Amino acid sequence: MSAESWKLTLNCTRAEAEQFADDVPELADLDPAPVIVATEPDPARSDEWQIDAYFEGKPSRDVLRRVAALVPSARAKAPRARPLPAEDWVTMSQSGFEPLEAGRFHVRTPDHPARRDRIDFVIPAGLAFGTGQHATTSGCLSMLDAMKRRGGVFRNVLDLGTGTGLLAFAAMRLWPGAQATASDIDPVSIAVVRENAELNGVGRIKLVVADGLSHRELIARAPYDLVIANILAQPLIDMAPQIAASVAVRGTLVLAGLLDTQAAAVARAYRRQGMRLAEASGGEWPVLRMVARR
C-alpha cells in the first residue's frame, strides 16, 4: 500500500472479534475491501480484544460507520481513521509478530532469523489466516508434534481450510513420505499457500480451491488417514458428516478453531458420525484429536 493507506482501531469484545475470522457480508460490497486484523493485546484479559481495519485510500465517514456498527461495544466513540506512513503496512505489522515455538516447530516472519535446531517455517504476516500466532494454529502444531513423538505414521494428509498452508507444511515435514493436499474456499489463500510453499522449499503438495469436501479432486484422494481442520466451531459441526466420511477407518482427525465452551458440541457431532474423542488439549482454544471407529 502507498501513502494513501489508513487505519481504524477499535477496542472490542472477543465475540465481536471472532466475526472477523471469516468473510463479513456487511462489508462485501466495498471495493477494495478493508483488511481487518483481530488481536488479543493482553491474554490475561480474555474479553478485551482489538480490531485494526486497514483501508487503501481515505475511508468515508459512511464506511467507518459501517465497520464500527459491527462492534457495538465501541459505539461510545466516533470512529476515526488515521493515515499511515508511505511504508507498506504489511511489512510494518510483521515486526509485531514474535517467532513462535510449538513442539519442534519454529514459526517466524521474514524479519526474524531462522532456527537451525528446529523445524523452521517463515510465514509472512497479513496475507491470510494461520501465521501460527493464534492459539488454534500453535495448538495444532503441538498436537501434530505429539502424534509424531508417539510413533504416529500417516501417508495421506488433508489440511482443510488451510489458510497459509502452515499446518500442511508441518505434516509434510513430520511425515515426508505422505501425500499431502491443502484446500481452502478462498482462491487468495491458495495463491498464498503456493507462495509460502516456494518460500519454505515445500514441494509435492496438491492445492485445491474448494468449498468443503465436494470437489472431485478431494474426493479422488480420499479417504485420508489424517485430516486437519482448523476452521470454526459451527462449520465444523455443519460439515461433520462430510469431514468424517473422508477419514479412513482408524484414521485421525484434528479439529481446531473452537472455544472451550464449544468443544463438547463439536465432539458430539463427530461421535454421531462414528468417531471417538482420543485426546483434547486444554486452554481457551482446545484442539481435539478424534479417531474413526468405522
Protein backbone atom coordinates (compact mmCIF):
# COMPACT_ATOMS: atom_id res chain seq x y z
CA MET A 1 0.00 0.00 0.00
CA SER A 2 1.02 3.58 -0.55
CA ALA A 3 0.82 6.79 1.47
CA GLU A 4 -2.94 6.64 0.93
CA SER A 5 -3.28 3.82 3.47
CA TRP A 6 -5.45 4.50 6.52
CA LYS A 7 -6.04 2.58 9.74
CA LEU A 8 -9.03 2.40 12.10
CA THR A 9 -8.54 0.86 15.56
CA LEU A 10 -11.47 -0.22 17.73
CA ASN A 11 -11.49 -1.93 21.10
CA CYS A 12 -13.96 -4.80 21.20
CA THR A 13 -15.03 -7.99 22.94
CA ARG A 14 -13.82 -11.46 21.99
CA ALA A 15 -17.19 -12.33 20.44
CA GLU A 16 -17.06 -9.20 18.29
CA ALA A 17 -13.50 -10.00 17.17
CA GLU A 18 -14.39 -13.58 16.20
CA GLN A 19 -16.81 -12.45 13.50
CA PHE A 20 -13.86 -11.09 11.51
CA ALA A 21 -12.22 -14.53 11.27
CA ASP A 22 -14.38 -15.15 8.18
CA ASP A 23 -15.78 -13.05 5.35
CA VAL A 24 -18.01 -10.24 6.62
CA PRO A 25 -21.15 -9.97 4.43
CA GLU A 26 -21.89 -6.45 5.67
CA LEU A 27 -18.66 -5.22 4.03
CA ALA A 28 -18.68 -7.45 0.95
CA ASP A 29 -19.66 -4.63 -1.43
CA LEU A 30 -16.65 -2.46 -0.54
CA ASP A 31 -14.00 -2.33 -3.26
CA PRO A 32 -11.28 -2.52 -2.22
CA ALA A 33 -12.41 -4.18 0.97
CA PRO A 34 -10.61 -3.23 4.18
CA VAL A 35 -8.18 -5.74 5.68
CA ILE A 36 -9.26 -6.38 9.27
CA VAL A 37 -6.93 -7.91 11.85
CA ALA A 38 -8.21 -9.01 15.26
CA THR A 39 -5.77 -9.28 18.16
CA GLU A 40 -5.82 -10.05 21.89
CA PRO A 41 -3.48 -7.41 23.40
CA ASP A 42 -3.45 -8.94 26.88
CA PRO A 43 -4.20 -12.70 27.21
CA ALA A 44 -4.83 -12.15 30.92
CA ARG A 45 -7.92 -10.13 29.96
CA SER A 46 -9.61 -12.66 27.70
CA ASP A 47 -12.57 -10.47 26.73
CA GLU A 48 -10.58 -7.35 25.82
CA TRP A 49 -9.73 -7.54 22.12
CA GLN A 50 -8.88 -5.06 19.39
CA ILE A 51 -9.51 -4.84 15.68
CA ASP A 52 -7.41 -2.85 13.22
CA ALA A 53 -9.03 -2.10 9.87
CA TYR A 54 -6.66 -1.08 7.07
CA PHE A 55 -8.00 0.88 4.10
CA GLU A 56 -6.48 1.61 0.71
CA GLY A 57 -7.33 5.27 0.45
CA LYS A 58 -9.06 7.51 2.95
CA PRO A 59 -12.29 5.83 4.08
CA SER A 60 -15.52 7.84 4.02
CA ARG A 61 -17.50 8.50 7.17
CA ASP A 62 -20.13 6.07 5.93
CA VAL A 63 -17.53 3.28 5.55
CA LEU A 64 -16.15 3.96 9.02
CA ARG A 65 -19.64 3.86 10.48
CA ARG A 66 -20.34 0.54 8.74
CA VAL A 67 -17.23 -1.04 10.25
CA ALA A 68 -17.94 0.44 13.67
CA ALA A 69 -21.54 -0.83 13.52
CA LEU A 70 -20.12 -4.37 13.69
CA VAL A 71 -18.52 -3.52 17.04
CA PRO A 72 -21.39 -2.38 19.32
CA SER A 73 -19.13 -2.07 22.36
CA ALA A 74 -17.18 0.71 20.60
CA ARG A 75 -20.17 2.94 19.86
CA ALA A 76 -19.35 5.35 22.66
CA LYS A 77 -16.70 6.98 20.46
CA ALA A 78 -16.98 8.20 16.88
CA PRO A 79 -14.77 6.03 14.63
CA ARG A 80 -11.69 7.89 13.44
CA ALA A 81 -9.12 6.57 10.99
CA ARG A 82 -5.58 7.87 10.75
CA PRO A 83 -3.22 7.92 7.77
CA LEU A 84 -0.28 5.54 7.73
CA PRO A 85 3.23 6.37 6.53
CA ALA A 86 4.25 5.54 2.98
CA GLU A 87 5.73 2.26 4.21
CA ASP A 88 3.86 -0.96 3.39
CA TRP A 89 1.69 -1.68 6.43
CA VAL A 90 2.01 -5.44 5.98
CA THR A 91 5.78 -5.15 6.37
CA MET A 92 5.30 -2.83 9.33
CA SER A 93 2.91 -5.24 11.02
CA GLN A 94 5.35 -8.14 10.81
CA SER A 95 7.60 -6.54 13.39
CA GLY A 96 4.83 -7.15 15.93
CA PHE A 97 4.81 -10.91 15.36
CA GLU A 98 7.41 -12.55 17.55
CA PRO A 99 8.61 -16.03 16.50
CA LEU A 100 6.50 -18.82 17.87
CA GLU A 101 7.68 -22.19 19.15
CA ALA A 102 5.25 -25.11 19.27
CA GLY A 103 6.63 -28.58 19.76
CA ARG A 104 9.63 -28.91 17.48
CA PHE A 105 8.40 -26.08 15.23
CA HIS A 106 9.65 -22.51 14.96
CA VAL A 107 7.39 -20.15 13.00
CA ARG A 108 8.59 -16.66 12.14
CA THR A 109 8.05 -13.74 9.81
CA PRO A 110 10.79 -12.81 7.31
CA ASP A 111 12.33 -10.16 9.59
CA HIS A 112 13.39 -12.78 12.17
CA PRO A 113 16.33 -15.21 11.82
CA ALA A 114 15.86 -18.92 11.25
CA ARG A 115 16.39 -21.53 13.97
CA ARG A 116 18.52 -24.37 12.61
CA ASP A 117 17.79 -26.56 15.63
CA ARG A 118 14.05 -26.50 14.92
CA ILE A 119 11.72 -27.23 12.03
CA ASP A 120 11.72 -23.65 10.83
CA PHE A 121 8.98 -22.02 8.76
CA VAL A 122 8.86 -18.45 7.51
CA ILE A 123 5.29 -17.19 7.01
CA PRO A 124 4.79 -13.54 6.00
CA ALA A 125 2.13 -11.87 8.15
CA GLY A 126 -1.00 -10.15 6.93
CA LEU A 127 -1.65 -12.25 3.82
CA ALA A 128 -4.02 -14.92 5.16
CA PHE A 129 -5.06 -16.59 8.39
CA GLY A 130 -2.87 -19.12 10.15
CA THR A 131 0.53 -17.49 10.63
CA GLY A 132 0.95 -19.58 13.77
CA GLN A 133 0.40 -16.72 16.18
CA HIS A 134 -3.15 -17.71 17.02
CA ALA A 135 -3.57 -20.33 19.72
CA THR A 136 -5.56 -22.63 17.42
CA THR A 137 -2.71 -22.88 14.92
CA SER A 138 0.03 -23.30 17.51
CA GLY A 139 -2.17 -25.86 19.28
CA CYS A 140 -2.44 -27.87 16.08
CA LEU A 141 1.34 -27.74 15.62
CA SER A 142 1.84 -29.06 19.15
CA MET A 143 -0.73 -31.80 18.58
CA LEU A 144 0.93 -32.93 15.34
CA ASP A 145 4.33 -32.98 17.03
CA ALA A 146 2.97 -35.06 19.93
CA MET A 147 1.41 -37.53 17.48
CA LYS A 148 4.76 -37.93 15.73
CA ARG A 149 6.61 -38.44 19.02
CA ARG A 150 4.18 -41.21 19.94
CA GLY A 151 5.01 -43.03 16.71
CA GLY A 152 2.09 -41.93 14.54
CA VAL A 153 2.52 -42.65 10.84
CA PHE A 154 0.39 -41.05 8.13
CA ARG A 155 0.52 -41.49 4.37
CA ASN A 156 -2.37 -39.41 3.07
CA VAL A 157 -2.92 -35.99 4.68
CA LEU A 158 -5.53 -33.28 4.08
CA ASP A 159 -5.31 -29.75 5.52
CA LEU A 160 -8.89 -28.49 5.17
CA GLY A 161 -9.27 -24.70 5.28
CA THR A 162 -5.52 -24.34 5.02
CA GLY A 163 -5.12 -20.53 5.27
CA THR A 164 -1.38 -20.03 4.75
CA GLY A 165 -0.56 -23.73 4.34
CA LEU A 166 1.40 -23.88 7.60
CA LEU A 167 -0.26 -27.00 9.02
CA ALA A 168 0.10 -28.85 5.73
CA PHE A 169 3.79 -27.91 5.64
CA ALA A 170 4.22 -29.14 9.22
CA ALA A 171 2.63 -32.51 8.41
CA MET A 172 4.88 -32.89 5.37
CA ARG A 173 8.00 -32.27 7.46
CA LEU A 174 6.89 -34.76 10.10
CA TRP A 175 5.84 -37.40 7.56
CA PRO A 176 7.90 -36.62 4.45
CA GLY A 177 6.67 -39.66 2.54
CA ALA A 178 3.00 -38.68 2.83
CA GLN A 179 0.76 -37.50 0.03
CA ALA A 180 -0.37 -34.01 1.06
CA THR A 181 -3.40 -31.98 0.00
CA ALA A 182 -4.35 -28.46 1.12
CA SER A 183 -7.70 -26.87 0.32
CA ASP A 184 -9.43 -23.58 1.02
CA ILE A 185 -12.60 -21.89 -0.12
CA ASP A 186 -10.64 -18.68 -0.81
CA PRO A 187 -8.58 -18.60 -4.04
CA VAL A 188 -6.38 -15.89 -2.48
CA SER A 189 -5.41 -18.29 0.31
CA ILE A 190 -4.41 -20.96 -2.19
CA ALA A 191 -2.26 -18.42 -4.04
CA VAL A 192 -0.65 -17.53 -0.69
CA VAL A 193 -0.03 -21.21 0.08
CA ARG A 194 1.70 -21.61 -3.27
CA GLU A 195 4.00 -18.67 -2.49
CA ASN A 196 4.66 -19.89 1.04
CA ALA A 197 5.43 -23.39 -0.20
CA GLU A 198 8.07 -21.99 -2.54
CA LEU A 199 9.44 -19.75 0.23
CA ASN A 200 9.84 -22.74 2.56
CA GLY A 201 11.06 -25.24 -0.03
CA VAL A 202 7.92 -27.36 0.26
CA GLY A 203 7.05 -29.48 -2.75
CA ARG A 204 4.65 -32.26 -3.66
CA ILE A 205 1.57 -30.62 -2.24
CA LYS A 206 -1.76 -30.63 -4.07
CA LEU A 207 -3.60 -27.32 -3.77
CA VAL A 208 -7.36 -27.19 -4.31
CA VAL A 209 -9.84 -24.30 -4.20
CA ALA A 210 -12.95 -25.94 -2.74
CA ASP A 211 -15.96 -25.29 -0.53
CA GLY A 212 -15.94 -28.23 1.85
CA LEU A 213 -15.03 -31.69 0.53
CA SER A 214 -17.28 -31.99 -2.51
CA HIS A 215 -14.54 -31.11 -5.01
CA ARG A 216 -13.73 -34.02 -7.33
CA GLU A 217 -10.00 -33.87 -6.59
CA LEU A 218 -10.59 -34.08 -2.84
CA ILE A 219 -12.98 -36.98 -3.35
CA ALA A 220 -10.47 -38.76 -5.62
CA ARG A 221 -7.74 -38.56 -2.96
CA ALA A 222 -9.96 -39.75 -0.10
CA PRO A 223 -10.01 -41.49 2.29
CA TYR A 224 -7.36 -39.65 4.30
CA ASP A 225 -5.63 -41.18 7.27
CA LEU A 226 -5.03 -37.67 8.68
CA VAL A 227 -7.37 -34.71 8.25
CA ILE A 228 -6.55 -31.36 9.88
CA ALA A 229 -9.46 -28.90 10.05
CA ASN A 230 -8.65 -25.62 11.79
CA ILE A 231 -11.78 -23.68 10.92
CA LEU A 232 -14.56 -22.52 13.28
CA ALA A 233 -16.92 -24.45 15.53
CA GLN A 234 -20.16 -24.06 13.58
CA PRO A 235 -18.71 -25.00 10.17
CA LEU A 236 -17.04 -28.00 11.82
CA ILE A 237 -20.42 -29.10 13.19
CA ASP A 238 -22.24 -28.43 9.90
CA MET A 239 -19.66 -30.39 7.88
CA ALA A 240 -19.29 -33.27 10.35
CA PRO A 241 -20.86 -35.91 8.07
CA GLN A 242 -18.76 -34.79 5.10
CA ILE A 243 -15.49 -34.50 7.03
CA ALA A 244 -15.92 -37.75 8.97
CA ALA A 245 -16.70 -39.63 5.76
CA SER A 246 -13.37 -38.51 4.29
CA VAL A 247 -11.36 -40.11 7.15
CA ALA A 248 -10.11 -43.65 6.66
CA VAL A 249 -11.05 -46.37 9.14
CA ARG A 250 -8.84 -45.88 12.22
CA GLY A 251 -7.72 -42.60 10.65
CA THR A 252 -7.14 -39.42 12.67
CA LEU A 253 -8.97 -36.11 12.61
CA VAL A 254 -7.52 -32.97 14.23
CA LEU A 255 -10.15 -30.29 14.89
CA ALA A 256 -9.45 -26.71 15.95
CA GLY A 257 -10.81 -23.19 15.73
CA LEU A 258 -13.25 -23.72 18.58
CA LEU A 259 -13.56 -22.24 22.05
CA ASP A 260 -13.50 -24.41 25.15
CA THR A 261 -17.23 -23.76 25.54
CA GLN A 262 -17.83 -25.23 22.06
CA ALA A 263 -15.66 -28.35 22.36
CA ALA A 264 -18.40 -30.64 23.68
CA ALA A 265 -20.81 -29.78 20.86
CA VAL A 266 -18.13 -30.30 18.21
CA ALA A 267 -17.02 -33.63 19.68
CA ARG A 268 -20.65 -34.77 19.91
CA ALA A 269 -21.23 -34.01 16.21
CA TYR A 270 -18.34 -36.31 15.25
CA ARG A 271 -19.27 -39.06 17.69
CA ARG A 272 -22.56 -39.26 15.81
CA GLN A 273 -20.51 -39.99 12.70
CA GLY A 274 -18.72 -42.95 14.24
CA MET A 275 -15.67 -41.19 15.63
CA ARG A 276 -14.32 -41.20 19.18
CA LEU A 277 -12.53 -38.46 21.06
CA ALA A 278 -9.00 -39.70 21.71
CA GLU A 279 -7.45 -36.52 23.10
CA ALA A 280 -8.24 -32.89 23.81
CA SER A 281 -5.75 -30.17 24.64
CA GLY A 282 -6.66 -27.71 27.38
CA GLY A 283 -6.96 -23.96 27.34
CA GLU A 284 -9.35 -21.45 25.89
CA TRP A 285 -8.79 -22.72 22.32
CA PRO A 286 -8.68 -26.54 22.58
CA VAL A 287 -7.58 -28.93 19.86
CA LEU A 288 -9.48 -32.21 19.52
CA ARG A 289 -7.94 -35.43 18.22
CA MET A 290 -10.57 -37.87 17.05
CA VAL A 291 -10.22 -41.38 15.60
CA ALA A 292 -12.55 -43.05 13.11
CA ARG A 293 -14.04 -46.22 14.58
CA ARG A 294 -15.89 -47.30 11.44
